[in-house]
Amino acid sequence: MTTVSDNETQTLVILGASGDLTARLLLPGLGALLTSQALGDLQLIGSDLRDWDTQRWQAQVTESFAEVDATGPHVDAVVTNTTYLQADVTAEDELRALLAACQGPVTIYFALPPAITERACQALEAIGVPEGTRLMIEKPFGSDADSAQALNELVTRIVPEHHVHRIDHFVAMPTVLNVLGLRFANRMFEPVLNNEHVASVDIVFDETLTLEGRADFYDATGALVDMIQSHMLEVLALFAMDPVPSLGADDVRDGKAQVLRATHIWDDDPINYSRRARYTAGKIGDRDVPSYVDEQGIDASSTTETLAELVLAVDTWRWSGVPFRVRSGKALGSPRTEIVITFQEPPLVPEGMAGAPQANRLHIGIDLASNELGLELNLTGPGDPFRIDPVSMSGQFGPGALPPYGEVFKSVLVDDTATLSVRGDMVVECWRIIEPVRQAWRNGQVPLQEYAAGSNGPTGWPETGLPNRAEQGE
């Protein structure tokens, strides 16, 4: 792994500079990183079709940096020297002029819709890029396994694979990365995280947020593609991978890729082991929420789901037979963002011990708002020393020094490592995993259910992973 020296010149080009993603996430992440660490002599260039000038772009950079209280000489230098170049990034001549304005190694961030990103990459292939160029590409990467593979082939004709950074900021969240420490630095947990001791695993991201102005993007994707195909499967792979010898890019991504290759819908049956639903009008806190189809920008004929749930099998020696439930939904009343490991029942409870033991569960929060580690146990007492009383133990993860996009930029601009980036074959596997579900949904074989905004989802959906081992006849 190489690192950037304090005086090295490099250029970060953000395509789609006037968009919401840049203002809300990319620039604050960059500002937080600049506050904590020098990035050499960083030249920041923003580019978009919008008729901005450098003064307008500098104002946006300043405003976004202020959201994370970014201060210091490195911040001031970037704000002072940043420039904006209006360009159609799908046009070869305009891309050539944009690259000519760059100094040192170039990193291009595609904060663009997928179709525009692909056309821009085609133009880059035609004109060539400076040696050492790195590409940072937002999800979704492709629209299915075949298109993802074709896009992989395109971008790796421009730069080598280790310079392609497919961004999934979930993987850079400190709370998600804490899974590595929990699993591989604690002797008490790792020996029992396998099919001999675990009954089921749930990976849940239920949020109270609705569309929040993202109607165009979300209605074309839905919960399955927006969250499960990328974020949730990445978390599953990170949690379920076998111990790795190092946190280097090759070791971590090899471990995750092995898990994804072994993952498929439970019993290869997407009709019985996938569910989908959409919110109707309701209330979340003090806020009245309209039905999804009444949200601004949504066509009344839309069949997009806002809640998706799959039960998956991970056919490795460690996890064979353990159901993994992945679930994500919007406009839900009780936000949950966690991995829950439910352990099997003890083989024997001594005769004479009153009460029934509850399942032991390990809760791992995977969001900054729910960064707790919890363990549900059975004890006896404190009243009757022969009666079982369930208890819970909890603690908090540290929030991390940088926001997720700060970690993403650090891994690329400072450490020059792809550990936090998604490798090409992994993207293809994620599309392959959900394709039978998408096909069943397109065919109308899985009904689109409804739930009131502010509720916990449709009635009758189980709260933990299914099936359990009794249902499998074990």
Protein backbone atom coordinates (compact mmCIF):
# COMPACT_ATOMS: atom_id res chain seq x y z
CA MET A 1 0.00 0.00 0.00
CA THR A 2 1.33 3.45 -0.92
CA THR A 3 0.43 6.73 0.73
CA VAL A 4 0.33 10.32 -0.47
CA SER A 5 3.13 12.56 0.81
CA ASP A 6 2.37 15.93 2.40
CA ASN A 7 3.65 17.92 -0.58
CA GLU A 8 2.50 15.75 -3.49
CA THR A 9 0.13 17.40 -5.95
CA GLN A 10 -3.00 15.49 -6.91
CA THR A 11 -6.36 16.40 -8.40
CA LEU A 12 -9.86 15.34 -7.37
CA VAL A 13 -12.46 15.93 -10.09
CA ILE A 14 -16.11 15.65 -9.06
CA LEU A 15 -18.44 15.06 -12.00
CA GLY A 16 -21.98 16.01 -11.02
CA ALA A 17 -20.63 18.78 -8.80
CA SER A 18 -23.90 20.71 -8.58
CA GLY A 19 -25.92 17.70 -7.39
CA ASP A 20 -27.35 16.77 -4.01
CA LEU A 21 -24.92 13.90 -3.44
CA THR A 22 -21.94 16.24 -3.78
CA ALA A 23 -23.33 18.92 -1.47
CA ARG A 24 -24.80 16.62 1.17
CA LEU A 25 -22.22 13.83 1.41
CA LEU A 26 -19.09 14.13 -0.74
CA LEU A 27 -17.95 17.62 0.20
CA PRO A 28 -18.67 17.24 3.95
CA GLY A 29 -16.72 13.97 3.91
CA LEU A 30 -13.83 15.63 2.12
CA GLY A 31 -13.93 18.59 4.51
CA ALA A 32 -13.77 16.32 7.56
CA LEU A 33 -10.78 14.52 6.07
CA LEU A 34 -8.98 17.78 5.27
CA THR A 35 -9.50 18.93 8.85
CA SER A 36 -7.81 15.82 10.23
CA GLN A 37 -5.13 15.15 7.66
CA ALA A 38 -3.11 16.74 4.88
CA LEU A 39 -3.87 15.51 1.36
CA GLY A 40 -0.75 16.93 -0.18
CA ASP A 41 -1.34 19.82 -2.57
CA LEU A 42 -4.94 18.86 -3.43
CA GLN A 43 -6.54 20.51 -6.43
CA LEU A 44 -10.35 20.21 -6.34
CA ILE A 45 -12.26 20.66 -9.60
CA GLY A 46 -16.02 20.59 -9.83
CA SER A 47 -17.73 19.97 -13.15
CA ASP A 48 -21.31 19.72 -14.34
CA LEU A 49 -23.66 20.83 -17.10
CA ARG A 50 -25.17 23.47 -14.84
CA ASP A 51 -24.15 27.04 -15.67
CA TRP A 52 -22.15 27.70 -12.51
CA ASP A 53 -18.92 29.64 -12.22
CA THR A 54 -16.00 29.15 -9.84
CA GLN A 55 -17.40 31.67 -7.35
CA ARG A 56 -20.71 29.77 -7.10
CA TRP A 57 -18.84 26.46 -6.71
CA GLN A 58 -16.56 27.90 -4.02
CA ALA A 59 -19.65 29.02 -2.11
CA GLN A 60 -21.03 25.47 -2.25
CA VAL A 61 -17.73 23.98 -1.08
CA THR A 62 -17.57 26.49 1.79
CA GLU A 63 -21.15 25.78 2.83
CA SER A 64 -20.68 21.99 2.76
CA PHE A 65 -17.40 22.16 4.65
CA ALA A 66 -19.09 24.30 7.33
CA GLU A 67 -21.64 21.52 7.96
CA VAL A 68 -18.85 19.42 9.52
CA ASP A 69 -16.98 22.40 11.01
CA ALA A 70 -14.09 21.82 8.63
CA THR A 71 -11.28 24.22 9.49
CA GLY A 72 -7.52 24.57 9.15
CA PRO A 73 -4.93 25.51 6.54
CA HIS A 74 -5.64 22.48 4.30
CA VAL A 75 -9.34 23.38 4.20
CA ASP A 76 -8.59 27.02 3.43
CA ALA A 77 -6.17 26.10 0.66
CA VAL A 78 -8.67 23.81 -1.08
CA VAL A 79 -11.49 26.38 -0.88
CA THR A 80 -9.27 29.16 -2.19
CA ASN A 81 -7.86 27.19 -5.12
CA THR A 82 -10.87 25.11 -6.19
CA THR A 83 -12.31 25.74 -9.64
CA TYR A 84 -15.47 24.91 -11.55
CA LEU A 85 -15.50 23.91 -15.22
CA GLN A 86 -18.82 23.59 -16.98
CA ALA A 87 -18.73 20.52 -19.23
CA ASP A 88 -20.73 17.79 -20.88
CA VAL A 89 -18.75 14.84 -19.54
CA THR A 90 -20.08 12.56 -22.27
CA ALA A 91 -18.40 14.72 -24.95
CA GLU A 92 -14.82 13.74 -25.74
CA ASP A 93 -13.50 17.26 -26.42
CA GLU A 94 -14.95 18.66 -23.19
CA LEU A 95 -13.58 15.75 -21.15
CA ARG A 96 -10.18 16.24 -22.76
CA ALA A 97 -10.18 19.91 -21.71
CA LEU A 98 -11.20 18.92 -18.19
CA LEU A 99 -8.32 16.46 -17.85
CA ALA A 100 -5.91 19.05 -19.24
CA ALA A 101 -6.69 21.28 -16.24
CA CYS A 102 -5.61 18.59 -13.76
CA GLN A 103 -2.24 18.38 -12.03
CA GLY A 104 -0.52 15.25 -10.73
CA PRO A 105 -2.38 11.96 -10.27
CA VAL A 106 -6.07 12.34 -11.07
CA THR A 107 -9.05 10.88 -9.20
CA ILE A 108 -12.41 11.19 -10.96
CA TYR A 109 -15.55 10.88 -8.83
CA PHE A 110 -18.70 10.04 -10.81
CA ALA A 111 -21.54 11.61 -8.80
CA LEU A 112 -23.78 10.99 -11.77
CA PRO A 113 -26.75 8.82 -12.80
CA PRO A 114 -25.60 5.35 -13.94
CA ALA A 115 -26.42 5.92 -17.62
CA ILE A 116 -24.41 9.16 -17.73
CA THR A 117 -21.51 7.49 -15.89
CA GLU A 118 -21.38 4.76 -18.54
CA ARG A 119 -21.37 7.27 -21.40
CA ALA A 120 -18.66 9.31 -19.67
CA CYS A 121 -16.54 6.18 -19.28
CA GLN A 122 -16.98 5.42 -22.98
CA ALA A 123 -15.67 8.90 -23.74
CA LEU A 124 -12.74 8.42 -21.36
CA GLU A 125 -11.84 5.16 -23.07
CA ALA A 126 -11.77 6.96 -26.40
CA ILE A 127 -9.50 9.82 -25.28
CA GLY A 128 -7.39 8.01 -22.66
CA VAL A 129 -6.52 9.16 -19.14
CA PRO A 130 -3.27 10.17 -17.43
CA GLU A 131 -1.24 7.35 -15.91
CA GLY A 132 -2.27 6.60 -12.34
CA THR A 133 -5.85 7.87 -12.76
CA ARG A 134 -8.36 6.44 -10.31
CA LEU A 135 -12.11 6.17 -10.88
CA MET A 136 -14.64 6.43 -8.02
CA ILE A 137 -18.09 5.27 -9.14
CA GLU A 138 -21.32 5.44 -7.15
CA LYS A 139 -23.89 2.67 -7.03
CA PRO A 140 -25.86 1.24 -8.70
CA PHE A 141 -23.11 -0.27 -10.82
CA GLY A 142 -25.03 -1.66 -13.77
CA SER A 143 -28.65 -2.73 -13.73
CA ASP A 144 -28.20 -6.52 -13.70
CA ALA A 145 -25.38 -9.07 -13.76
CA ASP A 146 -24.77 -8.79 -17.51
CA SER A 147 -24.68 -4.98 -17.58
CA ALA A 148 -22.44 -4.90 -14.50
CA GLN A 149 -20.01 -7.28 -16.18
CA ALA A 150 -20.03 -5.16 -19.34
CA LEU A 151 -19.35 -2.03 -17.29
CA ASN A 152 -16.54 -3.85 -15.47
CA GLU A 153 -14.92 -4.62 -18.81
CA LEU A 154 -15.31 -0.99 -19.90
CA VAL A 155 -13.77 0.65 -16.82
CA THR A 156 -10.89 -1.82 -16.65
CA ARG A 157 -9.98 -0.91 -20.22
CA ILE A 158 -9.53 2.64 -18.90
CA VAL A 159 -7.60 1.88 -15.68
CA PRO A 160 -6.54 -1.34 -13.91
CA GLU A 161 -9.00 -2.96 -11.46
CA HIS A 162 -7.13 -1.76 -8.37
CA HIS A 163 -7.72 1.82 -9.52
CA VAL A 164 -11.50 1.31 -9.87
CA HIS A 165 -13.30 2.21 -6.65
CA ARG A 166 -16.96 1.17 -6.72
CA ILE A 167 -18.31 3.12 -3.79
CA ASP A 168 -20.54 1.66 -1.09
CA HIS A 169 -20.30 4.09 1.81
CA PHE A 170 -21.95 1.50 4.10
CA VAL A 171 -18.70 -0.45 4.07
CA ALA A 172 -16.88 2.67 5.31
CA MET A 173 -19.22 3.34 8.23
CA PRO A 174 -17.25 2.97 11.49
CA THR A 175 -20.10 0.98 13.04
CA VAL A 176 -20.04 -1.53 10.17
CA LEU A 177 -16.24 -1.78 10.28
CA ASN A 178 -16.55 -2.56 14.01
CA VAL A 179 -17.78 -5.98 12.88
CA LEU A 180 -14.17 -6.79 12.02
CA GLY A 181 -12.93 -6.07 15.53
CA LEU A 182 -15.83 -7.85 17.17
CA ARG A 183 -15.34 -11.01 15.13
CA PHE A 184 -11.60 -11.28 14.79
CA ALA A 185 -10.26 -9.76 18.01
CA ASN A 186 -12.46 -11.60 20.55
CA ARG A 187 -11.91 -15.27 21.32
CA MET A 188 -15.31 -15.54 23.00
CA PHE A 189 -17.36 -14.70 19.89
CA GLU A 190 -15.58 -16.13 16.85
CA PRO A 191 -15.75 -19.83 17.91
CA VAL A 192 -19.57 -19.72 18.23
CA LEU A 193 -20.36 -17.76 15.07
CA ASN A 194 -21.13 -20.78 12.91
CA ASN A 195 -23.91 -23.23 12.08
CA GLU A 196 -23.20 -25.34 15.15
CA HIS A 197 -24.34 -22.58 17.48
CA VAL A 198 -26.28 -19.98 15.43
CA ALA A 199 -29.96 -20.46 14.60
CA SER A 200 -30.42 -17.41 12.35
CA VAL A 201 -28.97 -14.04 11.40
CA ASP A 202 -30.98 -10.89 10.68
CA ILE A 203 -29.55 -7.84 8.91
CA VAL A 204 -32.07 -5.03 9.18
CA PHE A 205 -32.13 -1.41 8.03
CA ASP A 206 -35.56 0.01 8.85
CA GLU A 207 -35.70 3.80 8.67
CA THR A 208 -38.27 6.52 9.32
CA LEU A 209 -37.15 8.52 6.27
CA THR A 210 -39.42 8.62 3.23
CA LEU A 211 -38.35 9.78 -0.24
CA GLU A 212 -36.74 13.04 0.94
CA GLY A 213 -36.71 14.52 -2.57
CA ARG A 214 -35.27 11.41 -4.28
CA ALA A 215 -38.41 10.35 -6.14
CA ASP A 216 -36.82 10.08 -9.59
CA PHE A 217 -34.01 7.86 -8.39
CA TYR A 218 -35.93 5.79 -5.85
CA ASP A 219 -38.97 4.99 -7.99
CA ALA A 220 -36.65 3.51 -10.62
CA THR A 221 -34.87 1.30 -8.07
CA GLY A 222 -36.92 0.51 -4.94
CA ALA A 223 -35.74 -1.01 -1.69
CA LEU A 224 -34.43 -4.22 -3.26
CA VAL A 225 -31.94 -2.52 -5.57
CA ASP A 226 -31.32 0.67 -3.59
CA MET A 227 -30.47 -1.09 -0.32
CA ILE A 228 -30.31 -4.89 -0.47
CA GLN A 229 -28.45 -5.43 -3.75
CA SER A 230 -25.62 -3.22 -2.58
CA HIS A 231 -25.51 -2.16 1.06
CA MET A 232 -27.12 -5.10 2.81
CA LEU A 233 -25.30 -7.79 0.84
CA GLU A 234 -22.01 -6.00 1.50
CA VAL A 235 -22.74 -6.03 5.24
CA LEU A 236 -23.70 -9.72 5.04
CA ALA A 237 -20.43 -10.53 3.27
CA LEU A 238 -18.35 -8.58 5.79
CA PHE A 239 -20.05 -10.29 8.72
CA ALA A 240 -20.05 -13.82 7.29
CA MET A 241 -16.56 -14.03 5.82
CA ASP A 242 -13.97 -16.31 7.38
CA PRO A 243 -11.05 -14.81 9.32
CA VAL A 244 -8.60 -13.01 7.05
CA PRO A 245 -4.82 -12.77 7.50
CA SER A 246 -4.80 -8.98 7.03
CA LEU A 247 -7.04 -6.00 6.32
CA GLY A 248 -5.38 -5.50 2.97
CA ALA A 249 -7.62 -5.05 -0.04
CA ASP A 250 -6.96 -8.48 -1.55
CA ASP A 251 -7.55 -10.41 1.68
CA VAL A 252 -10.75 -8.60 2.69
CA ARG A 253 -12.28 -8.57 -0.77
CA ASP A 254 -11.37 -12.20 -1.39
CA GLY A 255 -13.11 -13.14 1.85
CA LYS A 256 -16.24 -11.18 1.01
CA ALA A 257 -16.35 -12.46 -2.56
CA GLN A 258 -16.23 -16.07 -1.34
CA VAL A 259 -19.31 -15.43 0.80
CA LEU A 260 -21.22 -13.76 -2.04
CA ARG A 261 -20.46 -16.65 -4.43
CA ALA A 262 -22.00 -19.02 -1.86
CA THR A 263 -25.14 -16.91 -1.29
CA HIS A 264 -28.53 -17.50 -2.88
CA ILE A 265 -32.21 -17.20 -2.06
CA TRP A 266 -33.25 -19.81 0.48
CA ASP A 267 -34.17 -23.15 -1.10
CA ASP A 268 -33.86 -21.35 -4.48
CA ASP A 269 -37.47 -20.31 -3.91
CA PRO A 270 -38.00 -16.54 -4.35
CA ILE A 271 -41.78 -16.87 -4.15
CA ASN A 272 -41.83 -18.16 -0.58
CA TYR A 273 -38.66 -16.51 0.70
CA SER A 274 -39.02 -12.93 -0.49
CA ARG A 275 -41.53 -10.26 0.52
CA ARG A 276 -42.26 -6.76 -0.66
CA ALA A 277 -44.53 -3.95 0.48
CA ARG A 278 -45.18 -0.24 0.07
CA TYR A 279 -46.26 2.42 2.54
CA THR A 280 -49.66 4.06 2.54
CA ALA A 281 -50.66 7.28 4.29
CA GLY A 282 -49.79 7.49 7.96
CA LYS A 283 -48.03 9.47 10.64
CA ILE A 284 -44.38 9.36 11.70
CA GLY A 285 -43.95 11.29 14.93
CA ASP A 286 -45.68 14.62 14.35
CA ARG A 287 -45.37 14.39 10.58
CA ASP A 288 -48.23 13.37 8.31
CA VAL A 289 -46.92 11.18 5.51
CA PRO A 290 -48.83 10.71 2.25
CA SER A 291 -49.17 7.38 0.53
CA TYR A 292 -46.15 6.50 -1.60
CA VAL A 293 -48.11 6.89 -4.83
CA ASP A 294 -49.21 10.37 -3.70
CA GLU A 295 -45.63 11.54 -3.06
CA GLN A 296 -44.42 14.31 -5.38
CA GLY A 297 -42.82 12.86 -8.49
CA ILE A 298 -44.38 9.37 -8.20
CA ASP A 299 -46.64 8.00 -10.91
CA ALA A 300 -49.89 6.63 -9.51
CA SER A 301 -49.35 3.41 -11.49
CA SER A 302 -45.98 2.74 -9.84
CA THR A 303 -45.39 -0.72 -8.39
CA THR A 304 -42.12 0.15 -6.64
CA GLU A 305 -41.62 -1.41 -3.20
CA THR A 306 -40.47 0.63 -0.20
CA LEU A 307 -39.89 -2.44 2.02
CA ALA A 308 -38.11 -5.57 0.89
CA GLU A 309 -37.13 -8.72 2.74
CA LEU A 310 -35.27 -11.82 1.60
CA VAL A 311 -34.22 -15.02 3.34
CA LEU A 312 -30.85 -16.13 2.02
CA ALA A 313 -28.63 -19.19 2.37
CA VAL A 314 -24.84 -18.91 2.61
CA ASP A 315 -23.56 -22.31 1.55
CA THR A 316 -20.15 -22.33 3.18
CA TRP A 317 -18.84 -24.83 5.73
CA ARG A 318 -19.34 -22.21 8.46
CA TRP A 319 -22.87 -21.07 7.61
CA SER A 320 -24.61 -23.88 5.71
CA GLY A 321 -28.12 -24.33 7.09
CA VAL A 322 -28.32 -20.94 8.81
CA PRO A 323 -30.98 -18.58 7.35
CA PHE A 324 -29.90 -14.99 6.80
CA ARG A 325 -32.77 -12.53 6.65
CA VAL A 326 -31.98 -9.18 5.01
CA ARG A 327 -34.58 -6.45 5.27
CA SER A 328 -34.76 -2.75 4.47
CA GLY A 329 -37.67 -0.35 4.43
CA LYS A 330 -38.71 3.28 4.51
CA ALA A 331 -41.36 5.21 6.47
CA LEU A 332 -41.31 2.74 9.36
CA GLY A 333 -42.21 3.76 12.90
CA SER A 334 -39.46 1.97 14.80
CA PRO A 335 -36.05 2.49 13.18
CA ARG A 336 -33.75 -0.53 13.39
CA THR A 337 -30.30 -0.71 11.89
CA GLU A 338 -28.54 -3.78 13.19
CA ILE A 339 -27.25 -7.29 12.73
CA VAL A 340 -28.95 -9.72 15.10
CA ILE A 341 -27.44 -13.15 15.72
CA THR A 342 -29.93 -15.56 17.32
CA PHE A 343 -28.22 -18.52 18.95
CA GLN A 344 -29.64 -22.00 19.24
CA GLU A 345 -31.31 -23.11 22.44
CA PRO A 346 -29.16 -24.80 25.09
CA PRO A 347 -29.24 -28.60 24.78
CA LEU A 348 -30.55 -29.02 28.33
CA VAL A 349 -31.96 -26.82 31.09
CA PRO A 350 -31.51 -28.55 34.46
CA GLU A 351 -34.64 -29.99 36.03
CA GLY A 352 -35.92 -27.80 38.82
CA MET A 353 -35.02 -24.50 37.14
CA ALA A 354 -38.25 -22.52 36.80
CA GLY A 355 -39.12 -20.48 33.74
CA ALA A 356 -38.24 -20.88 30.08
CA PRO A 357 -34.97 -19.45 28.79
CA GLN A 358 -35.22 -16.94 25.96
CA ALA A 359 -32.94 -17.20 22.96
CA ASN A 360 -29.52 -15.64 23.38
CA ARG A 361 -29.10 -12.81 20.89
CA LEU A 362 -26.16 -10.63 19.95
CA HIS A 363 -27.13 -7.21 18.54
CA ILE A 364 -24.61 -5.24 16.48
CA GLY A 365 -25.69 -1.70 15.58
CA ILE A 366 -24.64 -0.77 12.04
CA ASP A 367 -25.62 2.89 11.86
CA LEU A 368 -24.26 5.97 13.61
CA ALA A 369 -27.68 6.51 15.18
CA SER A 370 -27.77 2.97 16.58
CA ASN A 371 -24.16 2.22 17.40
CA GLU A 372 -24.84 -0.16 20.27
CA LEU A 373 -23.63 -3.65 20.98
CA GLY A 374 -26.15 -5.69 22.96
CA LEU A 375 -26.23 -9.22 24.35
CA GLU A 376 -29.36 -10.98 25.62
CA LEU A 377 -28.65 -13.61 28.28
CA ASN A 378 -30.48 -15.81 30.78
CA LEU A 379 -29.57 -15.63 34.46
CA THR A 380 -31.20 -16.80 37.67
CA GLY A 381 -32.33 -14.40 40.37
CA PRO A 382 -32.29 -11.75 41.63
CA GLY A 383 -35.45 -12.87 43.42
CA ASP A 384 -35.75 -16.64 43.18
CA PRO A 385 -32.23 -18.05 42.55
CA PHE A 386 -33.77 -21.04 40.77
CA ARG A 387 -35.92 -19.02 38.33
CA ILE A 388 -34.62 -17.89 34.94
CA ASP A 389 -34.63 -14.14 34.36
CA PRO A 390 -33.64 -12.74 30.95
CA VAL A 391 -31.23 -9.79 31.12
CA SER A 392 -29.62 -7.51 28.55
CA MET A 393 -26.11 -6.11 28.48
CA SER A 394 -25.19 -3.22 26.21
CA GLY A 395 -22.38 -0.89 25.27
CA GLN A 396 -21.66 1.64 22.55
CA PHE A 397 -19.26 1.61 19.64
CA GLY A 398 -17.11 4.65 19.12
CA PRO A 399 -18.50 7.00 16.45
CA GLY A 400 -15.28 7.07 14.42
CA ALA A 401 -13.12 10.09 13.62
CA LEU A 402 -14.47 10.51 10.07
CA PRO A 403 -17.90 10.24 8.44
CA PRO A 404 -18.30 7.38 5.95
CA TYR A 405 -17.44 9.46 2.89
CA GLY A 406 -14.43 10.84 4.75
CA GLU A 407 -13.21 7.26 5.20
CA VAL A 408 -13.92 6.58 1.52
CA PHE A 409 -11.82 9.55 0.41
CA LYS A 410 -9.06 8.67 2.88
CA SER A 411 -8.77 5.14 1.52
CA VAL A 412 -8.33 6.45 -2.04
CA LEU A 413 -6.62 9.85 -1.75
CA VAL A 414 -4.34 9.12 1.22
CA ASP A 415 -3.82 5.38 1.62
CA ASP A 416 -4.27 4.42 -2.04
CA THR A 417 -5.98 1.16 -1.09
CA ALA A 418 -9.12 -0.54 -2.36
CA THR A 419 -10.02 -2.23 0.94
CA LEU A 420 -13.24 -0.20 1.25
CA SER A 421 -14.11 -0.45 -2.46
CA VAL A 422 -16.32 -3.08 -4.05
CA ARG A 423 -14.51 -5.33 -6.52
CA GLY A 424 -15.99 -5.98 -9.93
CA ASP A 425 -16.79 -9.66 -9.44
CA MET A 426 -18.59 -8.84 -6.17
CA VAL A 427 -20.96 -6.43 -7.92
CA VAL A 428 -21.86 -9.11 -10.45
CA GLU A 429 -22.54 -11.62 -7.66
CA CYS A 430 -24.83 -9.17 -5.85
CA TRP A 431 -26.95 -8.77 -8.98
CA ARG A 432 -26.94 -12.55 -9.48
CA ILE A 433 -28.25 -13.10 -5.93
CA ILE A 434 -31.31 -10.87 -6.33
CA GLU A 435 -32.16 -11.69 -9.96
CA PRO A 436 -34.53 -14.64 -9.17
CA VAL A 437 -36.37 -12.34 -6.75
CA ARG A 438 -36.68 -9.55 -9.32
CA GLN A 439 -38.00 -12.02 -11.87
CA ALA A 440 -40.61 -13.40 -9.46
CA TRP A 441 -41.70 -9.88 -8.61
CA ARG A 442 -41.90 -8.85 -12.27
CA ASN A 443 -44.10 -11.90 -12.91
CA GLY A 444 -46.45 -10.91 -10.08
CA GLN A 445 -45.69 -14.10 -8.16
CA VAL A 446 -44.98 -12.20 -4.92
CA PRO A 447 -47.77 -9.77 -3.94
CA LEU A 448 -47.01 -6.11 -3.24
CA GLN A 449 -48.40 -5.69 0.25
CA GLU A 450 -49.09 -2.45 2.09
CA TYR A 451 -48.30 -0.93 5.47
CA ALA A 452 -49.22 2.38 7.02
CA ALA A 453 -46.39 4.91 7.28
CA GLY A 454 -45.26 4.94 10.91
CA SER A 455 -46.09 1.27 11.47
CA ASN A 456 -43.60 -1.59 11.69
CA GLY A 457 -44.58 -3.02 8.32
CA PRO A 458 -47.32 -5.38 7.15
CA THR A 459 -48.98 -7.51 9.80
CA GLY A 460 -48.02 -11.14 9.76
CA TRP A 461 -44.40 -10.68 8.73
CA PRO A 462 -42.16 -12.56 11.20
CA GLU A 463 -39.75 -10.57 13.33
CA THR A 464 -36.78 -12.92 12.99
CA GLY A 465 -35.10 -14.93 10.28
CA LEU A 466 -36.99 -17.85 8.80
CA PRO A 467 -37.08 -20.74 8.34
CA ASN A 468 -35.81 -22.17 11.60
CA ARG A 469 -34.28 -25.59 11.93
CA ALA A 470 -37.45 -27.24 13.16
CA GLU A 471 -39.15 -26.14 9.93
CA GLN A 472 -36.35 -27.80 7.97
CA GLY A 473 -37.00 -31.11 9.69
CA GLU A 474 -33.69 -31.07 11.54
